[in-house]
Amino acid sequence: MAQIRTSFGVTAVRWCGDQAAEPGEYHVEWTVDEDTAWGRNAKPAADTGPGVRPGRHGVVLRGRLNLTVDGTAVIDLDGTRILLDLAAPLPEGVAGTWVELFLEREKVALHPFLL
């Protein structure tokens, strides 16, 4: 696990980089290894704007939910887009709205990369 700090919140998630990496600033790709199911682990956000925070049993990501032209779901966290696997099609009118994802901490991962 790695403690992360972003401009929109702090939490801990799985680190997929060098386990001996020093604290500091990294460019990362976020992944979610859990199917998104509307009404179960994805719900309308009570607030707008990106967010990340510890949740009761994991981590909560808040972002704008969108669909690509091929139907892939993505959540946008302040310009960082995370691809999501859907357990079932999203309800009508959900695309483009602010949502919160309630995920197990171990199911959210950061993969560092060099620019």
Protein backbone atom coordinates (compact mmCIF):
# COMPACT_ATOMS: atom_id res chain seq x y z
CA MET A 1 0.00 0.00 0.00
CA ALA A 2 1.06 3.55 -0.65
CA GLN A 3 -0.20 6.72 0.97
CA ILE A 4 -1.10 9.10 -1.83
CA ARG A 5 -1.70 12.82 -1.83
CA THR A 6 -3.40 14.56 -4.72
CA SER A 7 -4.73 18.06 -5.20
CA PHE A 8 -8.20 16.61 -4.50
CA GLY A 9 -7.62 14.28 -1.57
CA VAL A 10 -5.53 11.65 0.21
CA THR A 11 -5.89 7.92 0.78
CA ALA A 12 -3.96 4.66 0.52
CA VAL A 13 -4.03 2.35 -2.51
CA ARG A 14 -2.01 -0.52 -3.95
CA TRP A 15 1.41 0.53 -5.31
CA CYS A 16 2.61 -1.47 -8.34
CA GLY A 17 6.02 0.16 -8.63
CA ASP A 18 9.33 -0.48 -6.96
CA GLN A 19 8.63 -1.40 -3.35
CA ALA A 20 11.80 0.45 -2.33
CA ALA A 21 10.66 3.70 -4.01
CA GLU A 22 11.21 6.79 -1.92
CA PRO A 23 8.31 9.12 -1.08
CA GLY A 24 7.93 11.78 -3.73
CA GLU A 25 6.09 12.88 -6.81
CA TYR A 26 5.39 10.27 -9.48
CA HIS A 27 3.50 10.10 -12.76
CA VAL A 28 1.09 7.20 -12.43
CA GLU A 29 -1.63 5.32 -14.24
CA TRP A 30 -4.61 4.39 -12.10
CA THR A 31 -6.37 1.06 -12.53
CA VAL A 32 -9.52 -0.33 -10.93
CA ASP A 33 -9.64 -4.13 -10.74
CA GLU A 34 -13.28 -4.39 -9.71
CA ASP A 35 -16.41 -4.39 -11.88
CA THR A 36 -18.49 -1.24 -11.54
CA ALA A 37 -22.10 -1.97 -10.64
CA TRP A 38 -24.51 0.96 -10.49
CA GLY A 39 -26.29 1.08 -7.14
CA ARG A 40 -23.79 -1.27 -5.50
CA ASN A 41 -20.33 0.32 -5.71
CA ALA A 42 -21.21 3.29 -7.96
CA LYS A 43 -23.67 5.99 -6.92
CA PRO A 44 -24.48 9.61 -7.69
CA ALA A 45 -22.07 11.96 -5.94
CA ALA A 46 -23.45 14.27 -3.27
CA ASP A 47 -20.87 16.87 -4.30
CA THR A 48 -19.18 17.93 -7.54
CA GLY A 49 -15.50 18.04 -8.34
CA PRO A 50 -12.89 15.31 -8.24
CA GLY A 51 -12.14 13.60 -4.95
CA VAL A 52 -10.33 10.71 -3.37
CA ARG A 53 -10.67 9.70 0.26
CA PRO A 54 -10.59 6.71 2.56
CA GLY A 55 -13.89 4.88 2.72
CA ARG A 56 -15.43 2.62 5.31
CA HIS A 57 -13.95 -0.50 3.71
CA GLY A 58 -11.54 0.95 1.18
CA VAL A 59 -11.31 4.02 -0.99
CA VAL A 60 -13.83 6.39 -2.53
CA LEU A 61 -13.15 7.98 -5.92
CA ARG A 62 -15.34 10.88 -7.06
CA GLY A 63 -15.27 11.95 -10.67
CA ARG A 64 -17.27 12.57 -13.80
CA LEU A 65 -18.48 9.33 -15.38
CA ASN A 66 -18.38 9.15 -19.16
CA LEU A 67 -18.83 6.61 -21.92
CA THR A 68 -16.55 6.37 -24.94
CA VAL A 69 -17.94 5.87 -28.44
CA ASP A 70 -17.42 2.12 -28.11
CA GLY A 71 -19.33 2.03 -24.79
CA THR A 72 -16.37 1.81 -22.42
CA ALA A 73 -16.94 3.56 -19.10
CA VAL A 74 -14.34 5.96 -17.74
CA ILE A 75 -14.22 8.10 -14.64
CA ASP A 76 -12.39 11.39 -14.96
CA LEU A 77 -10.48 12.56 -11.86
CA ASP A 78 -9.31 16.06 -12.71
CA GLY A 79 -7.99 15.04 -16.14
CA THR A 80 -6.90 11.55 -15.17
CA ARG A 81 -9.11 9.02 -16.90
CA ILE A 82 -9.57 5.57 -15.36
CA LEU A 83 -11.12 2.81 -17.47
CA LEU A 84 -13.88 0.86 -15.74
CA ASP A 85 -15.29 -2.61 -16.36
CA LEU A 86 -19.08 -2.58 -16.06
CA ALA A 87 -21.02 -5.41 -14.41
CA ALA A 88 -24.11 -4.28 -16.38
CA PRO A 89 -25.07 -1.35 -18.61
CA LEU A 90 -25.36 2.00 -16.86
CA PRO A 91 -28.81 3.54 -16.33
CA GLU A 92 -29.98 6.19 -18.80
CA GLY A 93 -28.79 9.69 -18.01
CA VAL A 94 -25.85 8.68 -15.81
CA ALA A 95 -23.15 9.46 -18.39
CA GLY A 96 -21.65 12.89 -17.82
CA THR A 97 -22.67 13.09 -14.16
CA TRP A 98 -20.56 13.18 -11.00
CA VAL A 99 -20.37 9.78 -9.32
CA GLU A 100 -18.63 8.13 -6.42
CA LEU A 101 -17.06 4.70 -6.64
CA PHE A 102 -16.75 2.73 -3.39
CA LEU A 103 -13.90 0.28 -3.90
CA GLU A 104 -11.77 -2.11 -1.92
CA ARG A 105 -8.37 -0.49 -1.36
CA GLU A 106 -6.57 -3.50 -2.85
CA LYS A 107 -8.61 -3.15 -6.07
CA VAL A 108 -7.29 0.35 -6.84
CA ALA A 109 -3.70 0.39 -8.10
CA LEU A 110 -1.12 2.94 -9.14
CA HIS A 111 1.42 2.04 -11.84
CA PRO A 112 4.30 4.54 -12.11
CA PHE A 113 5.72 5.50 -15.49
CA LEU A 114 8.34 7.86 -16.89
CA LEU A 115 7.46 10.69 -19.24
